[in-house]
Amino acid sequence: MKTVSAEITPKTTTTVKQRRTTGHKKTKKSVLVGMLSRKSGADIAAISNKLEWQPHTTRAALSGLRKAGYQVLAEGAGNGKPTKYRITASPAG
């Protein structure tokens, strides 16, 4: 009978510190903050499409940002145009 030897190598693991230094993963929250930080802001439909969220989830995320200390301004465009949301101030700290 033939003997087969296999070399076992340990799995490589990365620590949180290593992940932070090697690259930044974009979270949905960071994408949302980026969209709302633009001068033109963003409407519910644009945010929902970009993040693949339902409109009610998008509105809840805006509320969450407000609770986290962001100042989110809602600008009603009128004339049947959707309301645009914009971050006017980030949380202190």
PDB file of N, CA and C in Angstrom:
ATOM      1  N   MET A   1       0.832  -1.170   0.000  1.00  0.00           N
ATOM      2  CA  MET A   1       0.000   0.000   0.000  1.00  0.00           C
ATOM      3  C   MET A   1       0.884   1.244   0.000  1.00  0.00           C
ATOM      4  N   LYS A   2       0.484   2.247  -0.767  1.00  0.00           N
ATOM      5  CA  LYS A   2       1.255   3.469  -0.928  1.00  0.00           C
ATOM      6  C   LYS A   2       0.871   4.462   0.173  1.00  0.00           C
ATOM      7  N   THR A   3       1.861   5.078   0.781  1.00  0.00           N
ATOM      8  CA  THR A   3       1.616   6.061   1.836  1.00  0.00           C
ATOM      9  C   THR A   3       1.680   7.455   1.238  1.00  0.00           C
ATOM     10  N   VAL A   4       0.659   8.262   1.554  1.00  0.00           N
ATOM     11  CA  VAL A   4       0.610   9.638   1.062  1.00  0.00           C
ATOM     12  C   VAL A   4       0.811  10.554   2.251  1.00  0.00           C
ATOM     13  N   SER A   5       1.748  11.455   2.122  1.00  0.00           N
ATOM     14  CA  SER A   5       1.956  12.416   3.215  1.00  0.00           C
ATOM     15  C   SER A   5       1.448  13.768   2.754  1.00  0.00           C
ATOM     16  N   ALA A   6       0.789  14.414   3.647  1.00  0.00           N
ATOM     17  CA  ALA A   6       0.255  15.748   3.344  1.00  0.00           C
ATOM     18  C   ALA A   6       0.832  16.730   4.334  1.00  0.00           C
ATOM     19  N   GLU A   7       1.209  17.848   3.818  1.00  0.00           N
ATOM     20  CA  GLU A   7       1.748  18.885   4.683  1.00  0.00           C
ATOM     21  C   GLU A   7       0.593  19.785   5.114  1.00  0.00           C
ATOM     22  N   ILE A   8       0.415  19.937   6.385  1.00  0.00           N
ATOM     23  CA  ILE A   8      -0.666  20.772   6.907  1.00  0.00           C
ATOM     24  C   ILE A   8      -0.093  22.139   7.246  1.00  0.00           C
ATOM     25  N   THR A   9      -0.687  23.126   6.640  1.00  0.00           N
ATOM     26  CA  THR A   9      -0.248  24.493   6.925  1.00  0.00           C
ATOM     27  C   THR A   9      -1.333  25.210   7.703  1.00  0.00           C
ATOM     28  N   PRO A  10      -0.952  25.975   8.692  1.00  0.00           N
ATOM     29  CA  PRO A  10      -1.966  26.689   9.469  1.00  0.00           C
ATOM     30  C   PRO A  10      -2.623  27.777   8.631  1.00  0.00           C
ATOM     31  N   LYS A  11      -3.890  28.019   8.922  1.00  0.00           N
ATOM     32  CA  LYS A  11      -4.605  29.089   8.230  1.00  0.00           C
ATOM     33  C   LYS A  11      -4.040  30.426   8.675  1.00  0.00           C
ATOM     34  N   THR A  12      -3.948  31.323   7.739  1.00  0.00           N
ATOM     35  CA  THR A  12      -3.485  32.653   8.107  1.00  0.00           C
ATOM     36  C   THR A  12      -4.686  33.478   8.536  1.00  0.00           C
ATOM     37  N   THR A  13      -4.530  34.168   9.605  1.00  0.00           N
ATOM     38  CA  THR A  13      -5.607  35.025  10.091  1.00  0.00           C
ATOM     39  C   THR A  13      -5.106  36.446  10.140  1.00  0.00           C
ATOM     40  N   THR A  14      -6.019  37.362   9.937  1.00  0.00           N
ATOM     41  CA  THR A  14      -5.664  38.768  10.027  1.00  0.00           C
ATOM     42  C   THR A  14      -6.327  39.354  11.252  1.00  0.00           C
ATOM     43  N   THR A  15      -5.633  40.249  11.873  1.00  0.00           N
ATOM     44  CA  THR A  15      -6.193  40.916  13.037  1.00  0.00           C
ATOM     45  C   THR A  15      -6.918  42.169  12.585  1.00  0.00           C
ATOM     46  N   VAL A  16      -7.684  42.729  13.480  1.00  0.00           N
ATOM     47  CA  VAL A  16      -8.414  43.967  13.174  1.00  0.00           C
ATOM     48  C   VAL A  16      -7.437  45.061  12.794  1.00  0.00           C
ATOM     49  N   LYS A  17      -6.318  45.144  13.504  1.00  0.00           N
ATOM     50  CA  LYS A  17      -5.320  46.174  13.215  1.00  0.00           C
ATOM     51  C   LYS A  17      -4.769  46.013  11.794  1.00  0.00           C
ATOM     52  N   GLN A  18      -4.515  44.759  11.388  1.00  0.00           N
ATOM     53  CA  GLN A  18      -4.001  44.521  10.049  1.00  0.00           C
ATOM     54  C   GLN A  18      -5.023  44.927   8.987  1.00  0.00           C
ATOM     55  N   ARG A  19      -6.309  44.638   9.224  1.00  0.00           N
ATOM     56  CA  ARG A  19      -7.341  45.007   8.259  1.00  0.00           C
ATOM     57  C   ARG A  19      -7.454  46.509   8.130  1.00  0.00           C
ATOM     58  N   ARG A  20      -7.292  47.210   9.218  1.00  0.00           N
ATOM     59  CA  ARG A  20      -7.385  48.677   9.169  1.00  0.00           C
ATOM     60  C   ARG A  20      -6.258  49.275   8.356  1.00  0.00           C
ATOM     61  N   THR A  21      -5.080  48.705   8.445  1.00  0.00           N
ATOM     62  CA  THR A  21      -3.945  49.270   7.738  1.00  0.00           C
ATOM     63  C   THR A  21      -3.886  48.845   6.281  1.00  0.00           C
ATOM     64  N   THR A  22      -4.495  47.701   5.934  1.00  0.00           N
ATOM     65  CA  THR A  22      -4.400  47.221   4.566  1.00  0.00           C
ATOM     66  C   THR A  22      -5.474  47.778   3.652  1.00  0.00           C
ATOM     67  N   GLY A  23      -6.577  48.241   4.200  1.00  0.00           N
ATOM     68  CA  GLY A  23      -7.623  48.785   3.358  1.00  0.00           C
ATOM     69  C   GLY A  23      -8.875  49.069   4.154  1.00  0.00           C
ATOM     70  N   HIS A  24      -9.708  49.915   3.603  1.00  0.00           N
ATOM     71  CA  HIS A  24     -10.940  50.300   4.277  1.00  0.00           C
ATOM     72  C   HIS A  24     -12.117  49.727   3.503  1.00  0.00           C
ATOM     73  N   LYS A  25     -12.936  48.972   4.188  1.00  0.00           N
ATOM     74  CA  LYS A  25     -14.139  48.430   3.570  1.00  0.00           C
ATOM     75  C   LYS A  25     -15.238  49.478   3.661  1.00  0.00           C
ATOM     76  N   LYS A  26     -15.846  49.777   2.538  1.00  0.00           N
ATOM     77  CA  LYS A  26     -16.943  50.747   2.537  1.00  0.00           C
ATOM     78  C   LYS A  26     -18.186  50.098   3.111  1.00  0.00           C
ATOM     79  N   THR A  27     -18.712  50.707   4.145  1.00  0.00           N
ATOM     80  CA  THR A  27     -19.955  50.228   4.726  1.00  0.00           C
ATOM     81  C   THR A  27     -21.111  50.991   4.093  1.00  0.00           C
ATOM     82  N   LYS A  28     -22.309  50.473   4.273  1.00  0.00           N
ATOM     83  CA  LYS A  28     -23.471  51.185   3.740  1.00  0.00           C
ATOM     84  C   LYS A  28     -23.634  52.518   4.442  1.00  0.00           C
ATOM     85  N   LYS A  29     -23.292  52.561   5.724  1.00  0.00           N
ATOM     86  CA  LYS A  29     -23.379  53.827   6.452  1.00  0.00           C
ATOM     87  C   LYS A  29     -22.407  54.852   5.864  1.00  0.00           C
ATOM     88  N   SER A  30     -21.182  54.432   5.549  1.00  0.00           N
ATOM     89  CA  SER A  30     -20.214  55.375   4.986  1.00  0.00           C
ATOM     90  C   SER A  30     -20.642  55.846   3.597  1.00  0.00           C
ATOM     91  N   VAL A  31     -21.259  54.964   2.818  1.00  0.00           N
ATOM     92  CA  VAL A  31     -21.780  55.365   1.498  1.00  0.00           C
ATOM     93  C   VAL A  31     -22.917  56.363   1.680  1.00  0.00           C
ATOM     94  N   LEU A  32     -23.812  56.095   2.641  1.00  0.00           N
ATOM     95  CA  LEU A  32     -24.930  57.002   2.922  1.00  0.00           C
ATOM     96  C   LEU A  32     -24.421  58.373   3.350  1.00  0.00           C
ATOM     97  N   VAL A  33     -23.469  58.403   4.266  1.00  0.00           N
ATOM     98  CA  VAL A  33     -22.908  59.678   4.726  1.00  0.00           C
ATOM     99  C   VAL A  33     -22.252  60.411   3.557  1.00  0.00           C
ATOM    100  N   GLY A  34     -21.571  59.680   2.692  1.00  0.00           N
ATOM    101  CA  GLY A  34     -20.947  60.293   1.518  1.00  0.00           C
ATOM    102  C   GLY A  34     -21.968  60.913   0.581  1.00  0.00           C
ATOM    103  N   MET A  35     -23.066  60.202   0.348  1.00  0.00           N
ATOM    104  CA  MET A  35     -24.115  60.729  -0.531  1.00  0.00           C
ATOM    105  C   MET A  35     -24.748  61.984   0.056  1.00  0.00           C
ATOM    106  N   LEU A  36     -24.967  61.969   1.371  1.00  0.00           N
ATOM    107  CA  LEU A  36     -25.628  63.099   2.016  1.00  0.00           C
ATOM    108  C   LEU A  36     -24.683  64.273   2.257  1.00  0.00           C
ATOM    109  N   SER A  37     -23.382  64.033   2.167  1.00  0.00           N
ATOM    110  CA  SER A  37     -22.403  65.098   2.383  1.00  0.00           C
ATOM    111  C   SER A  37     -22.168  65.943   1.136  1.00  0.00           C
ATOM    112  N   ARG A  38     -22.636  65.474  -0.002  1.00  0.00           N
ATOM    113  CA  ARG A  38     -22.476  66.260  -1.231  1.00  0.00           C
ATOM    114  C   ARG A  38     -23.301  67.536  -1.132  1.00  0.00           C
ATOM    115  N   LYS A  39     -22.882  68.546  -1.833  1.00  0.00           N
ATOM    116  CA  LYS A  39     -23.581  69.832  -1.813  1.00  0.00           C
ATOM    117  C   LYS A  39     -25.029  69.688  -2.274  1.00  0.00           C
ATOM    118  N   SER A  40     -25.270  68.826  -3.252  1.00  0.00           N
ATOM    119  CA  SER A  40     -26.621  68.640  -3.779  1.00  0.00           C
ATOM    120  C   SER A  40     -27.462  67.695  -2.924  1.00  0.00           C
ATOM    121  N   GLY A  41     -26.824  66.930  -2.024  1.00  0.00           N
ATOM    122  CA  GLY A  41     -27.561  65.989  -1.196  1.00  0.00           C
ATOM    123  C   GLY A  41     -28.070  64.816  -2.019  1.00  0.00           C
ATOM    124  N   ALA A  42     -29.093  64.132  -1.498  1.00  0.00           N
ATOM    125  CA  ALA A  42     -29.669  62.984  -2.198  1.00  0.00           C
ATOM    126  C   ALA A  42     -31.116  62.810  -1.772  1.00  0.00           C
ATOM    127  N   ASP A  43     -31.917  62.245  -2.662  1.00  0.00           N
ATOM    128  CA  ASP A  43     -33.309  61.979  -2.306  1.00  0.00           C
ATOM    129  C   ASP A  43     -33.470  60.511  -1.909  1.00  0.00           C
ATOM    130  N   ILE A  44     -34.630  60.183  -1.360  1.00  0.00           N
ATOM    131  CA  ILE A  44     -34.896  58.832  -0.868  1.00  0.00           C
ATOM    132  C   ILE A  44     -34.729  57.795  -1.978  1.00  0.00           C
ATOM    133  N   ALA A  45     -35.226  58.096  -3.171  1.00  0.00           N
ATOM    134  CA  ALA A  45     -35.148  57.136  -4.276  1.00  0.00           C
ATOM    135  C   ALA A  45     -33.694  56.852  -4.668  1.00  0.00           C
ATOM    136  N   ALA A  46     -32.861  57.877  -4.728  1.00  0.00           N
ATOM    137  CA  ALA A  46     -31.458  57.689  -5.109  1.00  0.00           C
ATOM    138  C   ALA A  46     -30.712  56.864  -4.061  1.00  0.00           C
ATOM    139  N   ILE A  47     -30.964  57.156  -2.785  1.00  0.00           N
ATOM    140  CA  ILE A  47     -30.314  56.414  -1.706  1.00  0.00           C
ATOM    141  C   ILE A  47     -30.782  54.958  -1.723  1.00  0.00           C
ATOM    142  N   SER A  48     -32.089  54.759  -1.870  1.00  0.00           N
ATOM    143  CA  SER A  48     -32.649  53.404  -1.889  1.00  0.00           C
ATOM    144  C   SER A  48     -32.079  52.584  -3.037  1.00  0.00           C
ATOM    145  N   ASN A  49     -31.952  53.182  -4.198  1.00  0.00           N
ATOM    146  CA  ASN A  49     -31.396  52.472  -5.354  1.00  0.00           C
ATOM    147  C   ASN A  49     -29.928  52.126  -5.146  1.00  0.00           C
ATOM    148  N   LYS A  50     -29.156  53.079  -4.662  1.00  0.00           N
ATOM    149  CA  LYS A  50     -27.718  52.878  -4.473  1.00  0.00           C
ATOM    150  C   LYS A  50     -27.431  51.795  -3.434  1.00  0.00           C
ATOM    151  N   LEU A  51     -28.169  51.823  -2.324  1.00  0.00           N
ATOM    152  CA  LEU A  51     -27.899  50.898  -1.228  1.00  0.00           C
ATOM    153  C   LEU A  51     -28.770  49.642  -1.264  1.00  0.00           C
ATOM    154  N   GLU A  52     -29.647  49.572  -2.269  1.00  0.00           N
ATOM    155  CA  GLU A  52     -30.565  48.441  -2.420  1.00  0.00           C
ATOM    156  C   GLU A  52     -31.423  48.255  -1.167  1.00  0.00           C
ATOM    157  N   TRP A  53     -31.994  49.360  -0.701  1.00  0.00           N
ATOM    158  CA  TRP A  53     -32.863  49.387   0.462  1.00  0.00           C
ATOM    159  C   TRP A  53     -34.275  49.742   0.031  1.00  0.00           C
ATOM    160  N   GLN A  54     -35.234  49.367   0.840  1.00  0.00           N
ATOM    161  CA  GLN A  54     -36.603  49.826   0.671  1.00  0.00           C
ATOM    162  C   GLN A  54     -36.667  51.260   1.186  1.00  0.00           C
ATOM    163  N   PRO A  55     -37.612  52.072   0.689  1.00  0.00           N
ATOM    164  CA  PRO A  55     -37.707  53.467   1.150  1.00  0.00           C
ATOM    165  C   PRO A  55     -37.871  53.614   2.664  1.00  0.00           C
ATOM    166  N   HIS A  56     -38.620  52.714   3.305  1.00  0.00           N
ATOM    167  CA  HIS A  56     -38.798  52.839   4.747  1.00  0.00           C
ATOM    168  C   HIS A  56     -37.497  52.558   5.498  1.00  0.00           C
ATOM    169  N   THR A  57     -36.644  51.716   4.939  1.00  0.00           N
ATOM    170  CA  THR A  57     -35.339  51.447   5.542  1.00  0.00           C
ATOM    171  C   THR A  57     -34.441  52.672   5.399  1.00  0.00           C
ATOM    172  N   THR A  58     -34.534  53.328   4.264  1.00  0.00           N
ATOM    173  CA  THR A  58     -33.752  54.541   4.033  1.00  0.00           C
ATOM    174  C   THR A  58     -34.143  55.634   5.023  1.00  0.00           C
ATOM    175  N   ARG A  59     -35.438  55.816   5.224  1.00  0.00           N
ATOM    176  CA  ARG A  59     -35.895  56.829   6.182  1.00  0.00           C
ATOM    177  C   ARG A  59     -35.442  56.484   7.600  1.00  0.00           C
ATOM    178  N   ALA A  60     -35.461  55.204   7.950  1.00  0.00           N
ATOM    179  CA  ALA A  60     -34.993  54.775   9.267  1.00  0.00           C
ATOM    180  C   ALA A  60     -33.494  55.051   9.425  1.00  0.00           C
ATOM    181  N   ALA A  61     -32.724  54.853   8.363  1.00  0.00           N
ATOM    182  CA  ALA A  61     -31.287  55.123   8.414  1.00  0.00           C
ATOM    183  C   ALA A  61     -31.027  56.617   8.618  1.00  0.00           C
ATOM    184  N   LEU A  62     -31.846  57.467   7.987  1.00  0.00           N
ATOM    185  CA  LEU A  62     -31.713  58.915   8.195  1.00  0.00           C
ATOM    186  C   LEU A  62     -31.995  59.268   9.656  1.00  0.00           C
ATOM    187  N   SER A  63     -32.996  58.639  10.234  1.00  0.00           N
ATOM    188  CA  SER A  63     -33.304  58.856  11.653  1.00  0.00           C
ATOM    189  C   SER A  63     -32.148  58.387  12.523  1.00  0.00           C
ATOM    190  N   GLY A  64     -31.551  57.276  12.160  1.00  0.00           N
ATOM    191  CA  GLY A  64     -30.397  56.763  12.901  1.00  0.00           C
ATOM    192  C   GLY A  64     -29.218  57.711  12.861  1.00  0.00           C
ATOM    193  N   LEU A  65     -29.005  58.342  11.702  1.00  0.00           N
ATOM    194  CA  LEU A  65     -27.923  59.332  11.602  1.00  0.00           C
ATOM    195  C   LEU A  65     -28.209  60.527  12.506  1.00  0.00           C
ATOM    196  N   ARG A  66     -29.461  60.948  12.531  1.00  0.00           N
ATOM    197  CA  ARG A  66     -29.832  62.068  13.417  1.00  0.00           C
ATOM    198  C   ARG A  66     -29.576  61.718  14.875  1.00  0.00           C
ATOM    199  N   LYS A  67     -29.947  60.509  15.262  1.00  0.00           N
ATOM    200  CA  LYS A  67     -29.720  60.057  16.641  1.00  0.00           C
ATOM    201  C   LYS A  67     -28.235  59.943  16.962  1.00  0.00           C
ATOM    202  N   ALA A  68     -27.420  59.667  15.949  1.00  0.00           N
ATOM    203  CA  ALA A  68     -25.975  59.556  16.127  1.00  0.00           C
ATOM    204  C   ALA A  68     -25.292  60.917  16.184  1.00  0.00           C
ATOM    205  N   GLY A  69     -26.049  61.994  15.984  1.00  0.00           N
ATOM    206  CA  GLY A  69     -25.479  63.329  16.103  1.00  0.00           C
ATOM    207  C   GLY A  69     -25.294  64.095  14.809  1.00  0.00           C
ATOM    208  N   TYR A  70     -25.617  63.482  13.682  1.00  0.00           N
ATOM    209  CA  TYR A  70     -25.522  64.194  12.407  1.00  0.00           C
ATOM    210  C   TYR A  70     -26.714  65.145  12.292  1.00  0.00           C
ATOM    211  N   GLN A  71     -26.478  66.304  11.711  1.00  0.00           N
ATOM    212  CA  GLN A  71     -27.585  67.215  11.416  1.00  0.00           C
ATOM    213  C   GLN A  71     -27.980  66.985   9.963  1.00  0.00           C
ATOM    214  N   VAL A  72     -29.154  66.394   9.781  1.00  0.00           N
ATOM    215  CA  VAL A  72     -29.638  66.073   8.436  1.00  0.00           C
ATOM    216  C   VAL A  72     -30.733  67.072   8.088  1.00  0.00           C
ATOM    217  N   LEU A  73     -30.500  67.830   7.033  1.00  0.00           N
ATOM    218  CA  LEU A  73     -31.437  68.849   6.583  1.00  0.00           C
ATOM    219  C   LEU A  73     -32.286  68.292   5.452  1.00  0.00           C
ATOM    220  N   ALA A  74     -33.589  68.453   5.550  1.00  0.00           N
ATOM    221  CA  ALA A  74     -34.508  68.052   4.482  1.00  0.00           C
ATOM    222  C   ALA A  74     -34.904  69.308   3.719  1.00  0.00           C
ATOM    223  N   GLU A  75     -34.614  69.321   2.437  1.00  0.00           N
ATOM    224  CA  GLU A  75     -34.914  70.479   1.605  1.00  0.00           C
ATOM    225  C   GLU A  75     -36.019  70.107   0.625  1.00  0.00           C
ATOM    226  N   GLY A  76     -37.199  70.656   0.850  1.00  0.00           N
ATOM    227  CA  GLY A  76     -38.312  70.399  -0.055  1.00  0.00           C
ATOM    228  C   GLY A  76     -38.140  71.195  -1.332  1.00  0.00           C
ATOM    229  N   ALA A  77     -38.049  70.506  -2.439  1.00  0.00           N
ATOM    230  CA  ALA A  77     -37.821  71.168  -3.725  1.00  0.00           C
ATOM    231  C   ALA A  77     -39.107  71.771  -4.280  1.00  0.00           C
ATOM    232  N   GLY A  78     -40.242  71.199  -3.909  1.00  0.00           N
ATOM    233  CA  GLY A  78     -41.512  71.698  -4.441  1.00  0.00           C
ATOM    234  C   GLY A  78     -41.699  71.310  -5.891  1.00  0.00           C
ATOM    235  N   ASN A  79     -42.764  71.805  -6.493  1.00  0.00           N
ATOM    236  CA  ASN A  79     -43.053  71.540  -7.913  1.00  0.00           C
ATOM    237  C   ASN A  79     -43.054  70.049  -8.250  1.00  0.00           C
ATOM    238  N   GLY A  80     -43.453  69.202  -7.294  1.00  0.00           N
ATOM    239  CA  GLY A  80     -43.512  67.777  -7.556  1.00  0.00           C
ATOM    240  C   GLY A  80     -42.171  67.062  -7.520  1.00  0.00           C
ATOM    241  N   LYS A  81     -41.112  67.778  -7.191  1.00  0.00           N
ATOM    242  CA  LYS A  81     -39.790  67.160  -7.114  1.00  0.00           C
ATOM    243  C   LYS A  81     -39.609  66.549  -5.726  1.00  0.00           C
ATOM    244  N   PRO A  82     -38.799  65.484  -5.622  1.00  0.00           N
ATOM    245  CA  PRO A  82     -38.614  64.823  -4.323  1.00  0.00           C
ATOM    246  C   PRO A  82     -37.793  65.674  -3.355  1.00  0.00           C
ATOM    247  N   THR A  83     -38.006  65.434  -2.079  1.00  0.00           N
ATOM    248  CA  THR A  83     -37.251  66.118  -1.035  1.00  0.00           C
ATOM    249  C   THR A  83     -35.812  65.621  -1.049  1.00  0.00           C
ATOM    250  N   LYS A  84     -34.874  66.557  -0.962  1.00  0.00           N
ATOM    251  CA  LYS A  84     -33.449  66.215  -0.914  1.00  0.00           C
ATOM    252  C   LYS A  84     -32.988  66.298   0.535  1.00  0.00           C
ATOM    253  N   TYR A  85     -32.134  65.382   0.925  1.00  0.00           N
ATOM    254  CA  TYR A  85     -31.580  65.342   2.272  1.00  0.00           C
ATOM    255  C   TYR A  85     -30.085  65.603   2.181  1.00  0.00           C
ATOM    256  N   ARG A  86     -29.581  66.356   3.169  1.00  0.00           N
ATOM    257  CA  ARG A  86     -28.176  66.742   3.174  1.00  0.00           C
ATOM    258  C   ARG A  86     -27.671  66.784   4.593  1.00  0.00           C
ATOM    259  N   ILE A  87     -26.426  66.368   4.809  1.00  0.00           N
ATOM    260  CA  ILE A  87     -25.797  66.500   6.122  1.00  0.00           C
ATOM    261  C   ILE A  87     -25.178  67.876   6.193  1.00  0.00           C
ATOM    262  N   THR A  88     -25.582  68.654   7.224  1.00  0.00           N
ATOM    263  CA  THR A  88     -25.028  69.993   7.393  1.00  0.00           C
ATOM    264  C   THR A  88     -23.979  70.045   8.502  1.00  0.00           C
ATOM    265  N   ALA A  89     -23.974  69.055   9.401  1.00  0.00           N
ATOM    266  CA  ALA A  89     -22.961  68.995  10.462  1.00  0.00           C
ATOM    267  C   ALA A  89     -22.792  67.546  10.914  1.00  0.00           C
ATOM    268  N   SER A  90     -21.532  67.182  11.166  1.00  0.00           N
ATOM    269  CA  SER A  90     -21.210  65.846  11.669  1.00  0.00           C
ATOM    270  C   SER A  90     -21.203  65.862  13.195  1.00  0.00           C
ATOM    271  N   PRO A  91     -21.308  64.691  13.806  1.00  0.00           N
ATOM    272  CA  PRO A  91     -21.293  64.644  15.266  1.00  0.00           C
ATOM    273  C   PRO A  91     -19.957  65.113  15.829  1.00  0.00           C
ATOM    274  N   ALA A  92     -19.998  65.738  16.978  1.00  0.00           N
ATOM    275  CA  ALA A  92     -18.779  66.199  17.632  1.00  0.00           C
ATOM    276  C   ALA A  92     -18.003  64.997  18.157  1.00  0.00           C
ATOM    277  N   GLY A  93     -16.709  65.082  18.076  1.00  0.00           N
ATOM    278  CA  GLY A  93     -15.920  64.003  18.667  1.00  0.00           C
ATOM    279  C   GLY A  93     -15.021  63.423  17.741  1.00  0.00           C
TER     280      GLY A  93
END
